[in-house]
Amino acid sequence: MKTANLLLNGTITVACLIFFYQTFHFPMLFGIEDSGPALFPRIALAALLLFVIIDSAVIIRKRDGEFFFTKEERGNLWRLALLIGLLVFFVFFLGKLPFLILSLVTMFLIGLVFQLKWGPALLTAVVLTFFIQFVFIKGLNIIL
């Protein structure tokens, strides 16, 4: 699994750096210098990059002979594929559907992928959707 994790971490690192560079081109309102629509993505990308560096260091220090996936990990690849598919679905429809509906449906389906029962999955989706809506609109002044 060492090789697969390092390849994935390298891909995530390159994507983080590209997206971080793109945040410098976000439109800003006149007179606002400190916070704007680029603040949250920069913090999230920096945190993700930090975790990727820590994960890469742990992988390099770990001494195992496995090359790619173990038997147990191969069994969970369909979950990973569904999760990636749901995230692509979310990004594709982000500007086309209302955020509340899209976020609620996507988070509910992600909860089902992670084998939550439908009740806790729906409750988690509703709470997270409204929390994210509140944070972005009231806290960061970003219209979703």
N, C-alpha and C. Protein backbone atom coordinates (compact mmCIF):
# COMPACT_ATOMS: atom_id res chain seq x y z
N MET A 1 0.83 -1.20 0.00
CA MET A 1 0.00 0.00 0.00
C MET A 1 0.86 1.25 0.00
N LYS A 2 2.12 1.08 0.30
CA LYS A 2 3.02 2.22 0.39
C LYS A 2 3.08 3.00 -0.93
N THR A 3 3.23 2.31 -2.04
CA THR A 3 3.35 2.98 -3.33
C THR A 3 2.06 3.71 -3.68
N ALA A 4 0.92 3.08 -3.48
CA ALA A 4 -0.36 3.70 -3.81
C ALA A 4 -0.59 4.95 -2.96
N ASN A 5 -0.29 4.88 -1.68
CA ASN A 5 -0.49 6.05 -0.81
C ASN A 5 0.44 7.20 -1.20
N LEU A 6 1.67 6.89 -1.51
CA LEU A 6 2.60 7.95 -1.90
C LEU A 6 2.20 8.59 -3.23
N LEU A 7 1.71 7.78 -4.17
CA LEU A 7 1.22 8.35 -5.44
C LEU A 7 0.01 9.24 -5.21
N LEU A 8 -0.91 8.78 -4.36
CA LEU A 8 -2.09 9.59 -4.06
C LEU A 8 -1.70 10.88 -3.34
N ASN A 9 -0.78 10.79 -2.38
CA ASN A 9 -0.32 11.99 -1.67
C ASN A 9 0.37 12.96 -2.61
N GLY A 10 1.14 12.47 -3.56
CA GLY A 10 1.77 13.34 -4.54
C GLY A 10 0.74 14.05 -5.41
N THR A 11 -0.28 13.32 -5.82
CA THR A 11 -1.35 13.92 -6.62
C THR A 11 -2.11 14.97 -5.83
N ILE A 12 -2.41 14.68 -4.59
CA ILE A 12 -3.12 15.65 -3.74
C ILE A 12 -2.25 16.89 -3.51
N THR A 13 -0.96 16.71 -3.33
CA THR A 13 -0.06 17.85 -3.12
C THR A 13 -0.05 18.76 -4.34
N VAL A 14 0.06 18.19 -5.52
CA VAL A 14 0.06 19.00 -6.75
C VAL A 14 -1.28 19.73 -6.90
N ALA A 15 -2.38 19.03 -6.65
CA ALA A 15 -3.70 19.66 -6.75
C ALA A 15 -3.85 20.78 -5.73
N CYS A 16 -3.37 20.58 -4.51
CA CYS A 16 -3.44 21.63 -3.47
C CYS A 16 -2.67 22.87 -3.90
N LEU A 17 -1.49 22.66 -4.44
CA LEU A 17 -0.68 23.81 -4.87
C LEU A 17 -1.33 24.56 -6.02
N ILE A 18 -1.91 23.82 -6.97
CA ILE A 18 -2.60 24.48 -8.09
C ILE A 18 -3.82 25.26 -7.58
N PHE A 19 -4.62 24.64 -6.72
CA PHE A 19 -5.81 25.32 -6.20
C PHE A 19 -5.43 26.50 -5.31
N PHE A 20 -4.36 26.36 -4.54
CA PHE A 20 -3.93 27.48 -3.69
C PHE A 20 -3.52 28.67 -4.55
N TYR A 21 -2.83 28.40 -5.64
CA TYR A 21 -2.46 29.48 -6.57
C TYR A 21 -3.71 30.13 -7.15
N GLN A 22 -4.73 29.34 -7.46
CA GLN A 22 -5.96 29.87 -8.03
C GLN A 22 -6.71 30.79 -7.06
N THR A 23 -6.52 30.60 -5.76
CA THR A 23 -7.24 31.44 -4.80
C THR A 23 -6.77 32.89 -4.84
N PHE A 24 -5.59 33.14 -5.39
CA PHE A 24 -5.12 34.52 -5.52
C PHE A 24 -5.82 35.26 -6.65
N HIS A 25 -6.61 34.56 -7.44
CA HIS A 25 -7.32 35.18 -8.55
C HIS A 25 -8.82 35.28 -8.29
N PHE A 26 -9.25 35.05 -7.06
CA PHE A 26 -10.66 35.20 -6.72
C PHE A 26 -11.02 36.69 -6.75
N PRO A 27 -12.22 37.02 -7.20
CA PRO A 27 -12.63 38.43 -7.19
C PRO A 27 -12.85 38.93 -5.76
N MET A 28 -12.38 40.13 -5.49
CA MET A 28 -12.52 40.75 -4.17
C MET A 28 -13.35 42.02 -4.30
N LEU A 29 -14.13 42.30 -3.29
CA LEU A 29 -14.85 43.56 -3.26
C LEU A 29 -13.88 44.70 -2.99
N PHE A 30 -14.18 45.86 -3.53
CA PHE A 30 -13.29 47.01 -3.36
C PHE A 30 -13.23 47.40 -1.88
N GLY A 31 -12.04 47.54 -1.36
CA GLY A 31 -11.83 47.98 0.02
C GLY A 31 -11.68 46.85 1.02
N ILE A 32 -11.92 45.61 0.62
CA ILE A 32 -11.77 44.48 1.55
C ILE A 32 -10.41 43.85 1.28
N GLU A 33 -9.54 43.88 2.27
CA GLU A 33 -8.20 43.35 2.11
C GLU A 33 -7.94 42.09 2.92
N ASP A 34 -8.60 41.95 4.09
CA ASP A 34 -8.24 40.86 4.99
C ASP A 34 -8.95 39.55 4.69
N SER A 35 -10.26 39.52 4.69
CA SER A 35 -10.97 38.26 4.46
C SER A 35 -11.88 38.42 3.26
N GLY A 36 -12.07 37.36 2.60
CA GLY A 36 -12.93 37.35 1.42
C GLY A 36 -13.22 35.92 1.05
N PRO A 37 -13.62 35.70 -0.18
CA PRO A 37 -13.97 34.35 -0.58
C PRO A 37 -12.77 33.40 -0.65
N ALA A 38 -11.55 33.92 -0.64
CA ALA A 38 -10.37 33.05 -0.73
C ALA A 38 -9.87 32.58 0.63
N LEU A 39 -10.37 33.14 1.71
CA LEU A 39 -9.85 32.80 3.03
C LEU A 39 -10.09 31.34 3.40
N PHE A 40 -11.32 30.88 3.30
CA PHE A 40 -11.63 29.50 3.68
C PHE A 40 -10.91 28.48 2.81
N PRO A 41 -10.91 28.62 1.46
CA PRO A 41 -10.17 27.63 0.67
C PRO A 41 -8.68 27.59 0.99
N ARG A 42 -8.08 28.74 1.28
CA ARG A 42 -6.65 28.74 1.62
C ARG A 42 -6.38 27.99 2.92
N ILE A 43 -7.23 28.21 3.92
CA ILE A 43 -7.07 27.51 5.20
C ILE A 43 -7.27 26.00 5.01
N ALA A 44 -8.31 25.63 4.27
CA ALA A 44 -8.59 24.21 4.04
C ALA A 44 -7.47 23.55 3.25
N LEU A 45 -6.95 24.22 2.23
CA LEU A 45 -5.86 23.65 1.43
C LEU A 45 -4.57 23.53 2.23
N ALA A 46 -4.29 24.52 3.06
CA ALA A 46 -3.08 24.45 3.90
C ALA A 46 -3.19 23.30 4.90
N ALA A 47 -4.36 23.12 5.49
CA ALA A 47 -4.55 22.02 6.44
C ALA A 47 -4.44 20.67 5.72
N LEU A 48 -5.03 20.57 4.55
CA LEU A 48 -4.95 19.32 3.78
C LEU A 48 -3.50 19.01 3.41
N LEU A 49 -2.76 20.02 2.99
CA LEU A 49 -1.36 19.83 2.64
C LEU A 49 -0.54 19.39 3.85
N LEU A 50 -0.82 19.96 5.01
CA LEU A 50 -0.13 19.57 6.24
C LEU A 50 -0.38 18.10 6.56
N PHE A 51 -1.65 17.67 6.46
CA PHE A 51 -1.98 16.27 6.74
C PHE A 51 -1.35 15.32 5.72
N VAL A 52 -1.26 15.75 4.47
CA VAL A 52 -0.64 14.91 3.44
C VAL A 52 0.85 14.75 3.72
N ILE A 53 1.50 15.82 4.15
CA ILE A 53 2.93 15.74 4.48
C ILE A 53 3.15 14.81 5.67
N ILE A 54 2.30 14.93 6.69
CA ILE A 54 2.42 14.04 7.86
C ILE A 54 2.18 12.59 7.44
N ASP A 55 1.16 12.35 6.64
CA ASP A 55 0.86 10.99 6.18
C ASP A 55 2.02 10.42 5.35
N SER A 56 2.61 11.22 4.49
CA SER A 56 3.73 10.76 3.68
C SER A 56 4.93 10.40 4.56
N ALA A 57 5.19 11.21 5.58
CA ALA A 57 6.30 10.91 6.48
C ALA A 57 6.07 9.60 7.23
N VAL A 58 4.84 9.36 7.68
CA VAL A 58 4.52 8.11 8.38
C VAL A 58 4.66 6.92 7.43
N ILE A 59 4.21 7.07 6.20
CA ILE A 59 4.30 5.98 5.22
C ILE A 59 5.76 5.64 4.92
N ILE A 60 6.59 6.65 4.76
CA ILE A 60 8.00 6.41 4.44
C ILE A 60 8.71 5.73 5.61
N ARG A 61 8.38 6.11 6.84
CA ARG A 61 9.02 5.50 8.00
C ARG A 61 8.54 4.07 8.25
N LYS A 62 7.32 3.75 7.84
CA LYS A 62 6.76 2.42 8.06
C LYS A 62 7.44 1.41 7.12
N ARG A 63 7.82 0.28 7.66
CA ARG A 63 8.54 -0.72 6.88
C ARG A 63 7.64 -1.94 6.67
N ASP A 64 6.94 -1.95 5.55
CA ASP A 64 6.18 -3.15 5.20
C ASP A 64 6.44 -3.49 3.74
N GLY A 65 6.21 -4.71 3.39
CA GLY A 65 6.54 -5.17 2.05
C GLY A 65 5.38 -5.11 1.07
N GLU A 66 4.24 -4.58 1.50
CA GLU A 66 3.09 -4.57 0.61
C GLU A 66 3.25 -3.51 -0.46
N PHE A 67 2.89 -3.90 -1.66
CA PHE A 67 3.09 -2.99 -2.79
C PHE A 67 1.89 -2.10 -3.04
N PHE A 68 0.69 -2.69 -3.11
CA PHE A 68 -0.45 -1.85 -3.47
C PHE A 68 -1.57 -1.99 -2.45
N PHE A 69 -2.54 -2.83 -2.65
CA PHE A 69 -3.66 -2.96 -1.74
C PHE A 69 -3.69 -4.34 -1.10
N THR A 70 -4.07 -4.38 0.18
CA THR A 70 -4.26 -5.68 0.83
C THR A 70 -5.63 -6.22 0.42
N LYS A 71 -5.91 -7.44 0.83
CA LYS A 71 -7.18 -8.07 0.46
C LYS A 71 -8.37 -7.33 1.07
N GLU A 72 -8.22 -6.86 2.31
CA GLU A 72 -9.31 -6.12 2.95
C GLU A 72 -9.54 -4.77 2.28
N GLU A 73 -8.46 -4.13 1.86
CA GLU A 73 -8.59 -2.83 1.21
C GLU A 73 -9.23 -2.95 -0.16
N ARG A 74 -8.96 -4.03 -0.87
CA ARG A 74 -9.59 -4.23 -2.17
C ARG A 74 -11.09 -4.37 -2.05
N GLY A 75 -11.56 -4.91 -0.94
CA GLY A 75 -13.00 -5.05 -0.72
C GLY A 75 -13.70 -3.72 -0.52
N ASN A 76 -12.98 -2.70 -0.11
CA ASN A 76 -13.59 -1.39 0.13
C ASN A 76 -13.38 -0.41 -1.02
N LEU A 77 -12.82 -0.87 -2.12
CA LEU A 77 -12.59 0.03 -3.25
C LEU A 77 -13.88 0.54 -3.87
N TRP A 78 -14.95 -0.25 -3.82
CA TRP A 78 -16.22 0.22 -4.38
C TRP A 78 -16.76 1.40 -3.58
N ARG A 79 -16.52 1.41 -2.27
CA ARG A 79 -16.94 2.56 -1.45
C ARG A 79 -16.18 3.81 -1.84
N LEU A 80 -14.89 3.65 -2.07
CA LEU A 80 -14.08 4.78 -2.50
C LEU A 80 -14.55 5.30 -3.85
N ALA A 81 -14.86 4.40 -4.77
CA ALA A 81 -15.35 4.81 -6.09
C ALA A 81 -16.69 5.54 -5.98
N LEU A 82 -17.59 5.05 -5.12
CA LEU A 82 -18.87 5.74 -4.91
C LEU A 82 -18.68 7.12 -4.29
N LEU A 83 -17.77 7.21 -3.33
CA LEU A 83 -17.50 8.50 -2.69
C LEU A 83 -16.96 9.50 -3.70
N ILE A 84 -16.01 9.09 -4.51
CA ILE A 84 -15.46 9.98 -5.53
C ILE A 84 -16.55 10.37 -6.54
N GLY A 85 -17.40 9.41 -6.91
CA GLY A 85 -18.50 9.71 -7.82
C GLY A 85 -19.47 10.72 -7.24
N LEU A 86 -19.78 10.60 -5.95
CA LEU A 86 -20.68 11.56 -5.30
C LEU A 86 -20.06 12.96 -5.22
N LEU A 87 -18.77 13.02 -4.97
CA LEU A 87 -18.10 14.33 -4.93
C LEU A 87 -18.06 14.98 -6.31
N VAL A 88 -17.83 14.18 -7.35
CA VAL A 88 -17.87 14.71 -8.72
C VAL A 88 -19.29 15.18 -9.05
N PHE A 89 -20.30 14.42 -8.64
CA PHE A 89 -21.70 14.82 -8.82
C PHE A 89 -21.96 16.16 -8.14
N PHE A 90 -21.48 16.31 -6.91
CA PHE A 90 -21.69 17.55 -6.16
C PHE A 90 -21.04 18.74 -6.88
N VAL A 91 -19.80 18.58 -7.30
CA VAL A 91 -19.09 19.68 -7.96
C VAL A 91 -19.74 20.02 -9.30
N PHE A 92 -20.18 18.99 -10.04
CA PHE A 92 -20.79 19.23 -11.35
C PHE A 92 -22.09 20.01 -11.24
N PHE A 93 -22.92 19.69 -10.26
CA PHE A 93 -24.21 20.34 -10.12
C PHE A 93 -24.22 21.53 -9.17
N LEU A 94 -23.06 21.97 -8.70
CA LEU A 94 -23.00 23.02 -7.68
C LEU A 94 -23.64 24.32 -8.14
N GLY A 95 -23.41 24.76 -9.33
CA GLY A 95 -24.01 26.01 -9.79
C GLY A 95 -25.38 25.83 -10.41
N LYS A 96 -25.76 24.59 -10.68
CA LYS A 96 -27.00 24.32 -11.40
C LYS A 96 -28.20 24.03 -10.50
N LEU A 97 -27.96 23.50 -9.32
CA LEU A 97 -29.01 23.20 -8.36
C LEU A 97 -28.83 24.07 -7.11
N PRO A 98 -29.89 24.33 -6.36
CA PRO A 98 -29.74 25.08 -5.11
C PRO A 98 -28.82 24.34 -4.14
N PHE A 99 -27.98 25.10 -3.45
CA PHE A 99 -26.96 24.51 -2.58
C PHE A 99 -27.58 23.64 -1.49
N LEU A 100 -28.66 24.10 -0.87
CA LEU A 100 -29.25 23.34 0.24
C LEU A 100 -29.71 21.96 -0.21
N ILE A 101 -30.37 21.89 -1.33
CA ILE A 101 -30.86 20.59 -1.83
C ILE A 101 -29.70 19.70 -2.23
N LEU A 102 -28.76 20.26 -2.99
CA LEU A 102 -27.63 19.47 -3.47
C LEU A 102 -26.77 18.96 -2.32
N SER A 103 -26.50 19.81 -1.35
CA SER A 103 -25.70 19.42 -0.21
C SER A 103 -26.41 18.37 0.64
N LEU A 104 -27.69 18.55 0.85
CA LEU A 104 -28.47 17.60 1.65
C LEU A 104 -28.47 16.22 0.99
N VAL A 105 -28.73 16.15 -0.29
CA VAL A 105 -28.78 14.87 -1.00
C VAL A 105 -27.40 14.21 -1.01
N THR A 106 -26.38 14.99 -1.31
CA THR A 106 -25.03 14.43 -1.40
C THR A 106 -24.55 13.91 -0.05
N MET A 107 -24.75 14.68 1.01
CA MET A 107 -24.31 14.22 2.33
C MET A 107 -25.11 13.02 2.82
N PHE A 108 -26.39 12.98 2.48
CA PHE A 108 -27.19 11.81 2.85
C PHE A 108 -26.66 10.56 2.14
N LEU A 109 -26.36 10.67 0.85
CA LEU A 109 -25.85 9.52 0.11
C LEU A 109 -24.45 9.12 0.60
N ILE A 110 -23.63 10.09 0.97
CA ILE A 110 -22.32 9.76 1.53
C ILE A 110 -22.48 9.01 2.85
N GLY A 111 -23.45 9.41 3.66
CA GLY A 111 -23.74 8.68 4.90
C GLY A 111 -24.14 7.24 4.63
N LEU A 112 -24.92 7.03 3.58
CA LEU A 112 -25.31 5.66 3.22
C LEU A 112 -24.12 4.86 2.70
N VAL A 113 -23.21 5.51 1.98
CA VAL A 113 -22.00 4.83 1.50
C VAL A 113 -21.16 4.37 2.69
N PHE A 114 -21.12 5.17 3.74
CA PHE A 114 -20.36 4.81 4.94
C PHE A 114 -21.18 3.92 5.88
N GLN A 115 -22.25 3.34 5.39
CA GLN A 115 -23.08 2.35 6.06
C GLN A 115 -23.77 2.87 7.32
N LEU A 116 -24.17 4.13 7.32
CA LEU A 116 -25.03 4.64 8.37
C LEU A 116 -26.46 4.23 8.05
N LYS A 117 -27.29 4.07 9.06
CA LYS A 117 -28.70 3.83 8.81
C LYS A 117 -29.29 5.12 8.25
N TRP A 118 -30.45 5.02 7.59
CA TRP A 118 -30.98 6.19 6.91
C TRP A 118 -31.35 7.31 7.87
N GLY A 119 -31.76 7.00 9.10
CA GLY A 119 -32.13 8.05 10.07
C GLY A 119 -30.94 8.90 10.49
N PRO A 120 -29.86 8.29 11.02
CA PRO A 120 -28.68 9.08 11.36
C PRO A 120 -28.04 9.76 10.15
N ALA A 121 -28.10 9.11 8.99
CA ALA A 121 -27.53 9.71 7.78
C ALA A 121 -28.30 10.98 7.41
N LEU A 122 -29.63 10.93 7.51
CA LEU A 122 -30.45 12.10 7.19
C LEU A 122 -30.25 13.21 8.22
N LEU A 123 -30.20 12.84 9.49
CA LEU A 123 -29.98 13.84 10.53
C LEU A 123 -28.61 14.51 10.37
N THR A 124 -27.58 13.74 10.10
CA THR A 124 -26.25 14.30 9.89
C THR A 124 -26.23 15.20 8.68
N ALA A 125 -26.88 14.79 7.60
CA ALA A 125 -26.92 15.60 6.38
C ALA A 125 -27.62 16.93 6.62
N VAL A 126 -28.73 16.91 7.33
CA VAL A 126 -29.47 18.15 7.59
C VAL A 126 -28.65 19.09 8.47
N VAL A 127 -28.09 18.57 9.55
CA VAL A 127 -27.31 19.42 10.47
C VAL A 127 -26.09 20.00 9.76
N LEU A 128 -25.35 19.18 9.05
CA LEU A 128 -24.16 19.68 8.35
C LEU A 128 -24.49 20.67 7.25
N THR A 129 -25.58 20.42 6.52
CA THR A 129 -25.98 21.33 5.44
C THR A 129 -26.29 22.71 5.99
N PHE A 130 -27.10 22.78 7.04
CA PHE A 130 -27.45 24.08 7.59
C PHE A 130 -26.28 24.73 8.31
N PHE A 131 -25.41 23.95 8.91
CA PHE A 131 -24.21 24.51 9.55
C PHE A 131 -23.29 25.13 8.50
N ILE A 132 -23.06 24.43 7.42
CA ILE A 132 -22.20 24.96 6.35
C ILE A 132 -22.84 26.20 5.72
N GLN A 133 -24.14 26.15 5.50
CA GLN A 133 -24.85 27.32 4.95
C GLN A 133 -24.69 28.52 5.88
N PHE A 134 -24.85 28.31 7.18
CA PHE A 134 -24.72 29.40 8.14
C PHE A 134 -23.28 29.95 8.18
N VAL A 135 -22.29 29.06 8.20
CA VAL A 135 -20.89 29.49 8.28
C VAL A 135 -20.51 30.29 7.05
N PHE A 136 -20.90 29.82 5.87
CA PHE A 136 -20.51 30.53 4.66
C PHE A 136 -21.25 31.86 4.50
N ILE A 137 -22.54 31.89 4.79
CA ILE A 137 -23.30 33.13 4.58
C ILE A 137 -23.06 34.14 5.68
N LYS A 138 -23.15 33.72 6.94
CA LYS A 138 -22.99 34.66 8.05
C LYS A 138 -21.53 34.89 8.42
N GLY A 139 -20.74 33.83 8.46
CA GLY A 139 -19.36 33.97 8.92
C GLY A 139 -18.41 34.49 7.86
N LEU A 140 -18.49 33.94 6.66
CA LEU A 140 -17.53 34.31 5.61
C LEU A 140 -18.11 35.24 4.56
N ASN A 141 -19.41 35.52 4.65
CA ASN A 141 -20.08 36.44 3.74
C ASN A 141 -19.95 35.97 2.28
N ILE A 142 -20.15 34.66 2.09
CA ILE A 142 -20.09 34.07 0.76
C ILE A 142 -21.47 33.52 0.44
N ILE A 143 -22.05 33.95 -0.67
CA ILE A 143 -23.36 33.47 -1.07
C ILE A 143 -23.20 32.15 -1.81
N LEU A 144 -23.89 31.13 -1.32
CA LEU A 144 -23.82 29.81 -1.97
C LEU A 144 -24.92 29.70 -2.95
